[in-house]
Amino acid sequence: MAPRVVVIGLASDFGCQVQMTNMEDHLLDVLGAIDLSYWQLASSGHMPAEYDVAIVEGAVTTVDHVELLKQVRDTASTVMVIGACAVTGGIPGLASTGSLEGRIETVYGADGVLVAPGRVEPLPVDAVISVDYHVPG
């Protein structure tokens, strides 16, 4: 049976997911060897409850991301992170000056916390869950 794979994006520009499509001829070989159960960039449905491999792109920036990643780690036998945002925190992780609340207020105004609830300091995925493979980008 082919491994069931999900591709998940957190806080990112989805560039690494788009770059996966640039595998050109090899993409068809890969797709023939797996069951691509969910690809956030290209799926309109919900992520399935069961899968074997999770490929995660993007930095952790919300409480929802933290909860999703815990679920992913509990479900997937293999977790791979791709790209600078997932591996190091990327561009979101560079915003480390001042307090998180102050940065939110600068971007969203005095009511920023209401506009952007549940924010956490940007983190790489492996700061939240154990990761089996890192593919920097």
Foldseek 3Di string as FASTA:
>chain_A
DAFEEEEEEDPDPCVVVVVLPVVPPVNVVVCVRHRDQYYPVPDPDDRDQAGAEYEYEAWDWFPVSLVVLVSVQVHYPAYEYEEACQAFVPPQLVPPPDDPVVVQCVVPNPCSCVVVPGTDRIGHSCVRPPHDYYHYD
